[in-house]
Amino acid sequence: MSLLNQITFNDAGLVPAIAQDANTGRVLMMAWMNKEAFMQTMSTGFAHYYSRSRQKQWKKGESSGHIQKVIEMYLDCDGDTILLEIDQTGPACHTNRQSCFYKQQQGDAWVTIEEPVT
């Protein structure tokens, strides 16, 4: 059975992909993959995703230079989430932060923090 056939894509043909720093374990971002993005990631060794807002494939860092070299790839127990351990060049977040997870719940508000908890 191929790797692709073992992934459970949702009704839109997508699967969530979590990018985690391979050295620190810090969760950097979550994006969506379709079958083509998964295959591109497998063939190139660099993270490719599917943009729901732009309705197209994209290679992480294609415009910013902040690429993600895939070190390891994991599939969760249900087959419906991919974890990418990556070597990140530059910030992972489009806001130029190291991680997209920089807002912390404090009481009834989301507060921007300097360095998110990993």
PDB file of N, CA and C in Angstrom:
ATOM      1  N   MET A   1       0.841  -1.179   0.000  1.00  0.00           N
ATOM      2  CA  MET A   1       0.000   0.000   0.000  1.00  0.00           C
ATOM      3  C   MET A   1       0.889   1.246   0.000  1.00  0.00           C
ATOM      4  N   SER A   2       0.589   2.213  -0.819  1.00  0.00           N
ATOM      5  CA  SER A   2       1.422   3.411  -0.914  1.00  0.00           C
ATOM      6  C   SER A   2       1.195   4.331   0.284  1.00  0.00           C
ATOM      7  N   LEU A   3       2.159   5.188   0.538  1.00  0.00           N
ATOM      8  CA  LEU A   3       2.032   6.162   1.621  1.00  0.00           C
ATOM      9  C   LEU A   3       0.804   7.037   1.429  1.00  0.00           C
ATOM     10  N   LEU A   4       0.578   7.490   0.207  1.00  0.00           N
ATOM     11  CA  LEU A   4      -0.540   8.374  -0.103  1.00  0.00           C
ATOM     12  C   LEU A   4      -1.874   7.718   0.229  1.00  0.00           C
ATOM     13  N   ASN A   5      -2.020   6.454  -0.063  1.00  0.00           N
ATOM     14  CA  ASN A   5      -3.281   5.753   0.175  1.00  0.00           C
ATOM     15  C   ASN A   5      -3.586   5.539   1.648  1.00  0.00           C
ATOM     16  N   GLN A   6      -2.599   5.727   2.504  1.00  0.00           N
ATOM     17  CA  GLN A   6      -2.802   5.550   3.938  1.00  0.00           C
ATOM     18  C   GLN A   6      -3.217   6.843   4.640  1.00  0.00           C
ATOM     19  N   ILE A   7      -3.250   7.948   3.899  1.00  0.00           N
ATOM     20  CA  ILE A   7      -3.655   9.237   4.457  1.00  0.00           C
ATOM     21  C   ILE A   7      -5.155   9.415   4.250  1.00  0.00           C
ATOM     22  N   THR A   8      -5.852   9.841   5.304  1.00  0.00           N
ATOM     23  CA  THR A   8      -7.279  10.126   5.215  1.00  0.00           C
ATOM     24  C   THR A   8      -7.449  11.622   4.982  1.00  0.00           C
ATOM     25  N   PHE A   9      -7.771  11.985   3.754  1.00  0.00           N
ATOM     26  CA  PHE A   9      -8.021  13.379   3.406  1.00  0.00           C
ATOM     27  C   PHE A   9      -9.473  13.714   3.731  1.00  0.00           C
ATOM     28  N   ASN A  10      -9.752  14.961   4.111  1.00  0.00           N
ATOM     29  CA  ASN A  10     -11.126  15.351   4.424  1.00  0.00           C
ATOM     30  C   ASN A  10     -11.955  15.476   3.147  1.00  0.00           C
ATOM     31  N   ASP A  11     -13.207  15.887   3.286  1.00  0.00           N
ATOM     32  CA  ASP A  11     -14.115  15.986   2.133  1.00  0.00           C
ATOM     33  C   ASP A  11     -13.632  16.983   1.084  1.00  0.00           C
ATOM     34  N   ALA A  12     -12.813  17.937   1.497  1.00  0.00           N
ATOM     35  CA  ALA A  12     -12.255  18.919   0.552  1.00  0.00           C
ATOM     36  C   ALA A  12     -10.954  18.414  -0.074  1.00  0.00           C
ATOM     37  N   GLY A  13     -10.538  17.197   0.286  1.00  0.00           N
ATOM     38  CA  GLY A  13      -9.315  16.630  -0.272  1.00  0.00           C
ATOM     39  C   GLY A  13      -8.053  17.125   0.420  1.00  0.00           C
ATOM     40  N   LEU A  14      -8.192  17.568   1.665  1.00  0.00           N
ATOM     41  CA  LEU A  14      -7.070  18.156   2.396  1.00  0.00           C
ATOM     42  C   LEU A  14      -6.795  17.390   3.684  1.00  0.00           C
ATOM     43  N   VAL A  15      -5.565  17.529   4.161  1.00  0.00           N
ATOM     44  CA  VAL A  15      -5.153  16.962   5.440  1.00  0.00           C
ATOM     45  C   VAL A  15      -4.314  18.029   6.150  1.00  0.00           C
ATOM     46  N   PRO A  16      -4.528  18.231   7.470  1.00  0.00           N
ATOM     47  CA  PRO A  16      -3.685  19.190   8.182  1.00  0.00           C
ATOM     48  C   PRO A  16      -2.260  18.679   8.303  1.00  0.00           C
ATOM     49  N   ALA A  17      -1.314  19.609   8.156  1.00  0.00           N
ATOM     50  CA  ALA A  17       0.105  19.287   8.284  1.00  0.00           C
ATOM     51  C   ALA A  17       0.714  20.250   9.296  1.00  0.00           C
ATOM     52  N   ILE A  18       1.267  19.698  10.346  1.00  0.00           N
ATOM     53  CA  ILE A  18       1.881  20.494  11.401  1.00  0.00           C
ATOM     54  C   ILE A  18       3.386  20.506  11.166  1.00  0.00           C
ATOM     55  N   ALA A  19       3.964  21.710  11.138  1.00  0.00           N
ATOM     56  CA  ALA A  19       5.413  21.855  10.982  1.00  0.00           C
ATOM     57  C   ALA A  19       6.026  22.099  12.349  1.00  0.00           C
ATOM     58  N   GLN A  20       6.974  21.240  12.711  1.00  0.00           N
ATOM     59  CA  GLN A  20       7.634  21.301  14.003  1.00  0.00           C
ATOM     60  C   GLN A  20       9.135  21.402  13.783  1.00  0.00           C
ATOM     61  N   ASP A  21       9.797  22.272  14.533  1.00  0.00           N
ATOM     62  CA  ASP A  21      11.242  22.408  14.423  1.00  0.00           C
ATOM     63  C   ASP A  21      11.901  21.109  14.866  1.00  0.00           C
ATOM     64  N   ALA A  22      12.690  20.514  13.999  1.00  0.00           N
ATOM     65  CA  ALA A  22      13.313  19.215  14.280  1.00  0.00           C
ATOM     66  C   ALA A  22      14.329  19.300  15.408  1.00  0.00           C
ATOM     67  N   ASN A  23      14.916  20.466  15.636  1.00  0.00           N
ATOM     68  CA  ASN A  23      15.930  20.613  16.686  1.00  0.00           C
ATOM     69  C   ASN A  23      15.335  20.920  18.053  1.00  0.00           C
ATOM     70  N   THR A  24      14.315  21.774  18.098  1.00  0.00           N
ATOM     71  CA  THR A  24      13.782  22.232  19.383  1.00  0.00           C
ATOM     72  C   THR A  24      12.456  21.577  19.763  1.00  0.00           C
ATOM     73  N   GLY A  25      11.739  21.021  18.791  1.00  0.00           N
ATOM     74  CA  GLY A  25      10.420  20.460  19.053  1.00  0.00           C
ATOM     75  C   GLY A  25       9.317  21.506  19.048  1.00  0.00           C
ATOM     76  N   ARG A  26       9.661  22.748  18.829  1.00  0.00           N
ATOM     77  CA  ARG A  26       8.676  23.833  18.825  1.00  0.00           C
ATOM     78  C   ARG A  26       7.729  23.707  17.627  1.00  0.00           C
ATOM     79  N   VAL A  27       6.432  23.821  17.876  1.00  0.00           N
ATOM     80  CA  VAL A  27       5.456  23.820  16.792  1.00  0.00           C
ATOM     81  C   VAL A  27       5.516  25.194  16.124  1.00  0.00           C
ATOM     82  N   LEU A  28       5.754  25.190  14.824  1.00  0.00           N
ATOM     83  CA  LEU A  28       5.938  26.439  14.098  1.00  0.00           C
ATOM     84  C   LEU A  28       4.686  26.902  13.363  1.00  0.00           C
ATOM     85  N   MET A  29       3.954  25.972  12.787  1.00  0.00           N
ATOM     86  CA  MET A  29       2.784  26.352  12.002  1.00  0.00           C
ATOM     87  C   MET A  29       1.944  25.136  11.651  1.00  0.00           C
ATOM     88  N   MET A  30       0.745  25.396  11.186  1.00  0.00           N
ATOM     89  CA  MET A  30      -0.120  24.364  10.637  1.00  0.00           C
ATOM     90  C   MET A  30      -0.601  24.868   9.283  1.00  0.00           C
ATOM     91  N   ALA A  31      -0.572  24.006   8.304  1.00  0.00           N
ATOM     92  CA  ALA A  31      -1.081  24.349   6.977  1.00  0.00           C
ATOM     93  C   ALA A  31      -1.771  23.111   6.428  1.00  0.00           C
ATOM     94  N   TRP A  32      -2.359  23.243   5.266  1.00  0.00           N
ATOM     95  CA  TRP A  32      -3.085  22.138   4.641  1.00  0.00           C
ATOM     96  C   TRP A  32      -2.283  21.557   3.494  1.00  0.00           C
ATOM     97  N   MET A  33      -2.406  20.261   3.304  1.00  0.00           N
ATOM     98  CA  MET A  33      -1.832  19.575   2.147  1.00  0.00           C
ATOM     99  C   MET A  33      -2.957  18.864   1.402  1.00  0.00           C
ATOM    100  N   ASN A  34      -2.868  18.882   0.080  1.00  0.00           N
ATOM    101  CA  ASN A  34      -3.689  17.981  -0.714  1.00  0.00           C
ATOM    102  C   ASN A  34      -2.744  16.896  -1.244  1.00  0.00           C
ATOM    103  N   LYS A  35      -3.241  16.008  -2.064  1.00  0.00           N
ATOM    104  CA  LYS A  35      -2.406  14.909  -2.551  1.00  0.00           C
ATOM    105  C   LYS A  35      -1.199  15.423  -3.321  1.00  0.00           C
ATOM    106  N   GLU A  36      -1.404  16.435  -4.149  1.00  0.00           N
ATOM    107  CA  GLU A  36      -0.300  16.981  -4.941  1.00  0.00           C
ATOM    108  C   GLU A  36       0.776  17.592  -4.043  1.00  0.00           C
ATOM    109  N   ALA A  37       0.371  18.340  -3.005  1.00  0.00           N
ATOM    110  CA  ALA A  37       1.339  18.944  -2.088  1.00  0.00           C
ATOM    111  C   ALA A  37       2.128  17.862  -1.353  1.00  0.00           C
ATOM    112  N   PHE A  38       1.444  16.797  -0.943  1.00  0.00           N
ATOM    113  CA  PHE A  38       2.138  15.696  -0.276  1.00  0.00           C
ATOM    114  C   PHE A  38       3.171  15.073  -1.212  1.00  0.00           C
ATOM    115  N   MET A  39       2.779  14.819  -2.445  1.00  0.00           N
ATOM    116  CA  MET A  39       3.694  14.207  -3.413  1.00  0.00           C
ATOM    117  C   MET A  39       4.875  15.139  -3.725  1.00  0.00           C
ATOM    118  N   GLN A  40       4.625  16.446  -3.829  1.00  0.00           N
ATOM    119  CA  GLN A  40       5.705  17.403  -4.063  1.00  0.00           C
ATOM    120  C   GLN A  40       6.674  17.422  -2.882  1.00  0.00           C
ATOM    121  N   THR A  41       6.119  17.356  -1.667  1.00  0.00           N
ATOM    122  CA  THR A  41       6.957  17.313  -0.472  1.00  0.00           C
ATOM    123  C   THR A  41       7.824  16.063  -0.484  1.00  0.00           C
ATOM    124  N   MET A  42       7.226  14.932  -0.814  1.00  0.00           N
ATOM    125  CA  MET A  42       7.963  13.672  -0.871  1.00  0.00           C
ATOM    126  C   MET A  42       9.066  13.717  -1.925  1.00  0.00           C
ATOM    127  N   SER A  43       8.782  14.270  -3.086  1.00  0.00           N
ATOM    128  CA  SER A  43       9.752  14.227  -4.188  1.00  0.00           C
ATOM    129  C   SER A  43      10.863  15.262  -4.054  1.00  0.00           C
ATOM    130  N   THR A  44      10.589  16.403  -3.391  1.00  0.00           N
ATOM    131  CA  THR A  44      11.598  17.459  -3.306  1.00  0.00           C
ATOM    132  C   THR A  44      12.328  17.504  -1.965  1.00  0.00           C
ATOM    133  N   GLY A  45      11.702  17.006  -0.905  1.00  0.00           N
ATOM    134  CA  GLY A  45      12.292  17.097   0.430  1.00  0.00           C
ATOM    135  C   GLY A  45      12.054  18.442   1.097  1.00  0.00           C
ATOM    136  N   PHE A  46      11.237  19.283   0.472  1.00  0.00           N
ATOM    137  CA  PHE A  46      10.870  20.578   1.032  1.00  0.00           C
ATOM    138  C   PHE A  46       9.356  20.650   1.161  1.00  0.00           C
ATOM    139  N   ALA A  47       8.879  21.351   2.200  1.00  0.00           N
ATOM    140  CA  ALA A  47       7.447  21.400   2.490  1.00  0.00           C
ATOM    141  C   ALA A  47       6.676  22.168   1.426  1.00  0.00           C
ATOM    142  N   HIS A  48       5.629  21.520   0.922  1.00  0.00           N
ATOM    143  CA  HIS A  48       4.671  22.115  -0.014  1.00  0.00           C
ATOM    144  C   HIS A  48       3.293  22.009   0.624  1.00  0.00           C
ATOM    145  N   TYR A  49       2.480  23.014   0.409  1.00  0.00           N
ATOM    146  CA  TYR A  49       1.150  23.055   1.013  1.00  0.00           C
ATOM    147  C   TYR A  49       0.121  23.469  -0.032  1.00  0.00           C
ATOM    148  N   TYR A  50      -1.141  23.454   0.406  1.00  0.00           N
ATOM    149  CA  TYR A  50      -2.224  23.935  -0.443  1.00  0.00           C
ATOM    150  C   TYR A  50      -2.874  25.125   0.247  1.00  0.00           C
ATOM    151  N   SER A  51      -2.948  26.241  -0.444  1.00  0.00           N
ATOM    152  CA  SER A  51      -3.573  27.445   0.102  1.00  0.00           C
ATOM    153  C   SER A  51      -5.065  27.426  -0.207  1.00  0.00           C
ATOM    154  N   ARG A  52      -5.875  27.389   0.831  1.00  0.00           N
ATOM    155  CA  ARG A  52      -7.329  27.424   0.636  1.00  0.00           C
ATOM    156  C   ARG A  52      -7.780  28.793   0.149  1.00  0.00           C
ATOM    157  N   SER A  53      -7.141  29.861   0.623  1.00  0.00           N
ATOM    158  CA  SER A  53      -7.561  31.208   0.217  1.00  0.00           C
ATOM    159  C   SER A  53      -7.173  31.519  -1.226  1.00  0.00           C
ATOM    160  N   ARG A  54      -6.005  31.046  -1.644  1.00  0.00           N
ATOM    161  CA  ARG A  54      -5.544  31.300  -3.016  1.00  0.00           C
ATOM    162  C   ARG A  54      -5.916  30.176  -3.976  1.00  0.00           C
ATOM    163  N   GLN A  55      -6.389  29.057  -3.416  1.00  0.00           N
ATOM    164  CA  GLN A  55      -6.783  27.892  -4.221  1.00  0.00           C
ATOM    165  C   GLN A  55      -5.642  27.403  -5.105  1.00  0.00           C
ATOM    166  N   LYS A  56      -4.440  27.284  -4.505  1.00  0.00           N
ATOM    167  CA  LYS A  56      -3.312  26.795  -5.291  1.00  0.00           C
ATOM    168  C   LYS A  56      -2.242  26.195  -4.388  1.00  0.00           C
ATOM    169  N   GLN A  57      -1.366  25.415  -5.020  1.00  0.00           N
ATOM    170  CA  GLN A  57      -0.214  24.825  -4.349  1.00  0.00           C
ATOM    171  C   GLN A  57       0.803  25.915  -4.057  1.00  0.00           C
ATOM    172  N   TRP A  58       1.594  25.719  -3.022  1.00  0.00           N
ATOM    173  CA  TRP A  58       2.719  26.615  -2.774  1.00  0.00           C
ATOM    174  C   TRP A  58       3.807  25.892  -2.015  1.00  0.00           C
ATOM    175  N   LYS A  59       5.019  26.265  -2.343  1.00  0.00           N
ATOM    176  CA  LYS A  59       6.181  25.763  -1.617  1.00  0.00           C
ATOM    177  C   LYS A  59       6.479  26.780  -0.522  1.00  0.00           C
ATOM    178  N   LYS A  60       6.586  26.319   0.704  1.00  0.00           N
ATOM    179  CA  LYS A  60       6.900  27.226   1.804  1.00  0.00           C
ATOM    180  C   LYS A  60       8.220  27.924   1.498  1.00  0.00           C
ATOM    181  N   GLY A  61       8.188  29.253   1.513  1.00  0.00           N
ATOM    182  CA  GLY A  61       9.386  30.039   1.258  1.00  0.00           C
ATOM    183  C   GLY A  61       9.602  30.419  -0.184  1.00  0.00           C
ATOM    184  N   GLU A  62       8.664  30.081  -1.081  1.00  0.00           N
ATOM    185  CA  GLU A  62       8.880  30.376  -2.502  1.00  0.00           C
ATOM    186  C   GLU A  62       9.015  31.871  -2.773  1.00  0.00           C
ATOM    187  N   SER A  63       8.372  32.708  -1.964  1.00  0.00           N
ATOM    188  CA  SER A  63       8.541  34.154  -2.160  1.00  0.00           C
ATOM    189  C   SER A  63       9.406  34.785  -1.068  1.00  0.00           C
ATOM    190  N   SER A  64       9.362  34.239   0.145  1.00  0.00           N
ATOM    191  CA  SER A  64      10.097  34.832   1.268  1.00  0.00           C
ATOM    192  C   SER A  64      11.518  34.286   1.424  1.00  0.00           C
ATOM    193  N   GLY A  65      11.761  33.090   0.898  1.00  0.00           N
ATOM    194  CA  GLY A  65      13.041  32.430   1.115  1.00  0.00           C
ATOM    195  C   GLY A  65      13.093  31.649   2.423  1.00  0.00           C
ATOM    196  N   HIS A  66      12.003  31.647   3.183  1.00  0.00           N
ATOM    197  CA  HIS A  66      11.930  30.970   4.482  1.00  0.00           C
ATOM    198  C   HIS A  66      11.466  29.525   4.279  1.00  0.00           C
ATOM    199  N   ILE A  67      12.335  28.730   3.705  1.00  0.00           N
ATOM    200  CA  ILE A  67      11.991  27.363   3.309  1.00  0.00           C
ATOM    201  C   ILE A  67      11.989  26.398   4.488  1.00  0.00           C
ATOM    202  N   GLN A  68      11.338  25.266   4.276  1.00  0.00           N
ATOM    203  CA  GLN A  68      11.273  24.204   5.273  1.00  0.00           C
ATOM    204  C   GLN A  68      11.800  22.915   4.654  1.00  0.00           C
ATOM    205  N   LYS A  69      12.998  22.508   5.080  1.00  0.00           N
ATOM    206  CA  LYS A  69      13.569  21.232   4.645  1.00  0.00           C
ATOM    207  C   LYS A  69      13.002  20.151   5.556  1.00  0.00           C
ATOM    208  N   VAL A  70      12.387  19.155   4.971  1.00  0.00           N
ATOM    209  CA  VAL A  70      11.763  18.089   5.750  1.00  0.00           C
ATOM    210  C   VAL A  70      12.826  17.087   6.197  1.00  0.00           C
ATOM    211  N   ILE A  71      12.903  16.881   7.510  1.00  0.00           N
ATOM    212  CA  ILE A  71      13.849  15.935   8.104  1.00  0.00           C
ATOM    213  C   ILE A  71      13.161  14.583   8.307  1.00  0.00           C
ATOM    214  N   GLU A  72      11.981  14.608   8.899  1.00  0.00           N
ATOM    215  CA  GLU A  72      11.173  13.404   9.141  1.00  0.00           C
ATOM    216  C   GLU A  72       9.715  13.740   8.895  1.00  0.00           C
ATOM    217  N   MET A  73       8.938  12.718   8.564  1.00  0.00           N
ATOM    218  CA  MET A  73       7.506  12.888   8.366  1.00  0.00           C
ATOM    219  C   MET A  73       6.783  11.772   9.109  1.00  0.00           C
ATOM    220  N   TYR A  74       5.690  12.142   9.792  1.00  0.00           N
ATOM    221  CA  TYR A  74       4.903  11.185  10.566  1.00  0.00           C
ATOM    222  C   TYR A  74       3.431  11.318  10.219  1.00  0.00           C
ATOM    223  N   LEU A  75       2.708  10.221  10.338  1.00  0.00           N
ATOM    224  CA  LEU A  75       1.256  10.190  10.163  1.00  0.00           C
ATOM    225  C   LEU A  75       0.661   9.778  11.495  1.00  0.00           C
ATOM    226  N   ASP A  76      -0.381  10.482  11.957  1.00  0.00           N
ATOM    227  CA  ASP A  76      -0.963  10.154  13.255  1.00  0.00           C
ATOM    228  C   ASP A  76      -1.752   8.846  13.204  1.00  0.00           C
ATOM    229  N   CYS A  77      -2.188   8.392  14.378  1.00  0.00           N
ATOM    230  CA  CYS A  77      -2.828   7.076  14.513  1.00  0.00           C
ATOM    231  C   CYS A  77      -4.103   6.933  13.689  1.00  0.00           C
ATOM    232  N   ASP A  78      -4.823   8.026  13.453  1.00  0.00           N
ATOM    233  CA  ASP A  78      -6.052   7.981  12.644  1.00  0.00           C
ATOM    234  C   ASP A  78      -5.781   8.177  11.158  1.00  0.00           C
ATOM    235  N   GLY A  79      -4.559   8.526  10.829  1.00  0.00           N
ATOM    236  CA  GLY A  79      -4.197   8.740   9.433  1.00  0.00           C
ATOM    237  C   GLY A  79      -4.708  10.053   8.871  1.00  0.00           C
ATOM    238  N   ASP A  80      -5.109  10.993   9.760  1.00  0.00           N
ATOM    239  CA  ASP A  80      -5.721  12.221   9.258  1.00  0.00           C
ATOM    240  C   ASP A  80      -4.972  13.505   9.635  1.00  0.00           C
ATOM    241  N   THR A  81      -3.739  13.372  10.093  1.00  0.00           N
ATOM    242  CA  THR A  81      -2.893  14.533  10.364  1.00  0.00           C
ATOM    243  C   THR A  81      -1.439  14.141  10.118  1.00  0.00           C
ATOM    244  N   ILE A  82      -0.720  15.034   9.437  1.00  0.00           N
ATOM    245  CA  ILE A  82       0.690  14.803   9.139  1.00  0.00           C
ATOM    246  C   ILE A  82       1.528  15.720  10.026  1.00  0.00           C
ATOM    247  N   LEU A  83       2.608  15.185  10.549  1.00  0.00           N
ATOM    248  CA  LEU A  83       3.577  15.967  11.308  1.00  0.00           C
ATOM    249  C   LEU A  83       4.876  15.989  10.515  1.00  0.00           C
ATOM    250  N   LEU A  84       5.350  17.195  10.223  1.00  0.00           N
ATOM    251  CA  LEU A  84       6.617  17.370   9.523  1.00  0.00           C
ATOM    252  C   LEU A  84       7.640  17.899  10.510  1.00  0.00           C
ATOM    253  N   GLU A  85       8.709  17.158  10.735  1.00  0.00           N
ATOM    254  CA  GLU A  85       9.835  17.696  11.482  1.00  0.00           C
ATOM    255  C   GLU A  85      10.725  18.356  10.452  1.00  0.00           C
ATOM    256  N   ILE A  86      10.961  19.640  10.642  1.00  0.00           N
ATOM    257  CA  ILE A  86      11.617  20.410   9.589  1.00  0.00           C
ATOM    258  C   ILE A  86      12.822  21.191  10.114  1.00  0.00           C
ATOM    259  N   ASP A  87      13.669  21.551   9.174  1.00  0.00           N
ATOM    260  CA  ASP A  87      14.759  22.491   9.406  1.00  0.00           C
ATOM    261  C   ASP A  87      14.290  23.790   8.765  1.00  0.00           C
ATOM    262  N   GLN A  88      13.938  24.760   9.591  1.00  0.00           N
ATOM    263  CA  GLN A  88      13.356  26.015   9.130  1.00  0.00           C
ATOM    264  C   GLN A  88      14.437  27.030   8.821  1.00  0.00           C
ATOM    265  N   THR A  89      14.373  27.639   7.641  1.00  0.00           N
ATOM    266  CA  THR A  89      15.237  28.764   7.287  1.00  0.00           C
ATOM    267  C   THR A  89      14.435  30.036   7.480  1.00  0.00           C
ATOM    268  N   GLY A  90      14.863  30.903   8.392  1.00  0.00           N
ATOM    269  CA  GLY A  90      14.128  32.138   8.673  1.00  0.00           C
ATOM    270  C   GLY A  90      12.878  31.856   9.472  1.00  0.00           C
ATOM    271  N   PRO A  91      12.034  32.887   9.645  1.00  0.00           N
ATOM    272  CA  PRO A  91      10.803  32.698  10.408  1.00  0.00           C
ATOM    273  C   PRO A  91       9.804  31.816   9.661  1.00  0.00           C
ATOM    274  N   ALA A  92       8.997  31.087  10.424  1.00  0.00           N
ATOM    275  CA  ALA A  92       7.988  30.216   9.813  1.00  0.00           C
ATOM    276  C   ALA A  92       6.697  30.971   9.525  1.00  0.00           C
ATOM    277  N   CYS A  93       6.387  31.971  10.343  1.00  0.00           N
ATOM    278  CA  CYS A  93       5.109  32.673  10.229  1.00  0.00           C
ATOM    279  C   CYS A  93       5.183  33.815   9.215  1.00  0.00           C
ATOM    280  N   HIS A  94       4.083  34.040   8.510  1.00  0.00           N
ATOM    281  CA  HIS A  94       4.051  35.134   7.537  1.00  0.00           C
ATOM    282  C   HIS A  94       4.124  36.506   8.210  1.00  0.00           C
ATOM    283  N   THR A  95       4.002  36.544   9.561  1.00  0.00           N
ATOM    284  CA  THR A  95       4.151  37.796  10.309  1.00  0.00           C
ATOM    285  C   THR A  95       5.616  38.049  10.679  1.00  0.00           C
ATOM    286  N   ASN A  96       6.503  37.203  10.176  1.00  0.00           N
ATOM    287  CA  ASN A  96       7.940  37.240  10.447  1.00  0.00           C
ATOM    288  C   ASN A  96       8.295  36.862  11.883  1.00  0.00           C
ATOM    289  N   ARG A  97       7.418  36.107  12.521  1.00  0.00           N
ATOM    290  CA  ARG A  97       7.732  35.535  13.825  1.00  0.00           C
ATOM    291  C   ARG A  97       8.239  34.112  13.611  1.00  0.00           C
ATOM    292  N   GLN A  98       8.980  33.626  14.597  1.00  0.00           N
ATOM    293  CA  GLN A  98       9.527  32.279  14.491  1.00  0.00           C
ATOM    294  C   GLN A  98       8.421  31.237  14.377  1.00  0.00           C
ATOM    295  N   SER A  99       7.325  31.443  15.100  1.00  0.00           N
ATOM    296  CA  SER A  99       6.212  30.503  15.109  1.00  0.00           C
ATOM    297  C   SER A  99       4.909  31.261  14.890  1.00  0.00           C
ATOM    298  N   CYS A 100       3.934  30.604  14.292  1.00  0.00           N
ATOM    299  CA  CYS A 100       2.599  31.195  14.145  1.00  0.00           C
ATOM    300  C   CYS A 100       1.853  31.222  15.477  1.00  0.00           C
ATOM    301  N   PHE A 101       2.337  30.465  16.455  1.00  0.00           N
ATOM    302  CA  PHE A 101       1.662  30.360  17.743  1.00  0.00           C
ATOM    303  C   PHE A 101       2.294  31.328  18.740  1.00  0.00           C
ATOM    304  N   TYR A 102       1.918  32.605  18.611  1.00  0.00           N
ATOM    305  CA  TYR A 102       2.469  33.658  19.459  1.00  0.00           C
ATOM    306  C   TYR A 102       1.397  34.389  20.261  1.00  0.00           C
ATOM    307  N   LYS A 103       0.160  33.899  20.233  1.00  0.00           N
ATOM    308  CA  LYS A 103      -0.920  34.485  21.025  1.00  0.00           C
ATOM    309  C   LYS A 103      -1.302  33.500  22.124  1.00  0.00           C
ATOM    310  N   GLN A 104      -1.213  33.957  23.359  1.00  0.00           N
ATOM    311  CA  GLN A 104      -1.468  33.095  24.505  1.00  0.00           C
ATOM    312  C   GLN A 104      -2.764  33.523  25.188  1.00  0.00           C
ATOM    313  N   GLN A 105      -3.563  32.537  25.566  1.00  0.00           N
ATOM    314  CA  GLN A 105      -4.797  32.818  26.309  1.00  0.00           C
ATOM    315  C   GLN A 105      -4.428  33.275  27.711  1.00  0.00           C
ATOM    316  N   GLN A 106      -4.909  34.455  28.068  1.00  0.00           N
ATOM    317  CA  GLN A 106      -4.749  34.980  29.426  1.00  0.00           C
ATOM    318  C   GLN A 106      -6.089  35.544  29.847  1.00  0.00           C
ATOM    319  N   GLY A 107      -6.782  34.807  30.727  1.00  0.00           N
ATOM    320  CA  GLY A 107      -8.134  35.201  31.122  1.00  0.00           C
ATOM    321  C   GLY A 107      -9.065  35.087  29.934  1.00  0.00           C
ATOM    322  N   ASP A 108      -9.711  36.188  29.587  1.00  0.00           N
ATOM    323  CA  ASP A 108     -10.646  36.161  28.457  1.00  0.00           C
ATOM    324  C   ASP A 108     -10.088  36.858  27.217  1.00  0.00           C
ATOM    325  N   ALA A 109      -8.750  36.894  27.115  1.00  0.00           N
ATOM    326  CA  ALA A 109      -8.118  37.569  25.982  1.00  0.00           C
ATOM    327  C   ALA A 109      -6.958  36.744  25.431  1.00  0.00           C
ATOM    328  N   TRP A 110      -6.655  36.983  24.163  1.00  0.00           N
ATOM    329  CA  TRP A 110      -5.453  36.433  23.532  1.00  0.00           C
ATOM    330  C   TRP A 110      -4.408  37.533  23.586  1.00  0.00           C
ATOM    331  N   VAL A 111      -3.270  37.252  24.222  1.00  0.00           N
ATOM    332  CA  VAL A 111      -2.222  38.239  24.420  1.00  0.00           C
ATOM    333  C   VAL A 111      -0.993  37.825  23.620  1.00  0.00           C
ATOM    334  N   THR A 112      -0.450  38.765  22.846  1.00  0.00           N
ATOM    335  CA  THR A 112       0.756  38.504  22.070  1.00  0.00           C
ATOM    336  C   THR A 112       1.936  38.386  23.017  1.00  0.00           C
ATOM    337  N   ILE A 113       2.681  37.311  22.884  1.00  0.00           N
ATOM    338  CA  ILE A 113       3.841  37.074  23.736  1.00  0.00           C
ATOM    339  C   ILE A 113       5.098  37.123  22.886  1.00  0.00           C
ATOM    340  N   GLU A 114       6.210  37.415  23.517  1.00  0.00           N
ATOM    341  CA  GLU A 114       7.496  37.470  22.811  1.00  0.00           C
ATOM    342  C   GLU A 114       7.857  36.123  22.220  1.00  0.00           C
ATOM    343  N   GLU A 115       7.941  35.127  23.053  1.00  0.00           N
ATOM    344  CA  GLU A 115       8.287  33.786  22.609  1.00  0.00           C
ATOM    345  C   GLU A 115       7.200  32.828  23.071  1.00  0.00           C
ATOM    346  N   PRO A 116       6.507  32.187  22.139  1.00  0.00           N
ATOM    347  CA  PRO A 116       5.455  31.244  22.546  1.00  0.00           C
ATOM    348  C   PRO A 116       6.026  30.033  23.261  1.00  0.00           C
ATOM    349  N   VAL A 117       5.216  29.464  24.124  1.00  0.00           N
ATOM    350  CA  VAL A 117       5.577  28.238  24.823  1.00  0.00           C
ATOM    351  C   VAL A 117       5.607  27.103  23.828  1.00  0.00           C
ATOM    352  N   THR A 118       6.638  26.253  23.888  1.00  0.00           N
ATOM    353  CA  THR A 118       6.723  25.143  22.949  1.00  0.00           C
ATOM    354  C   THR A 118       6.098  23.890  23.522  1.00  0.00           C
TER     355      THR A 118
END
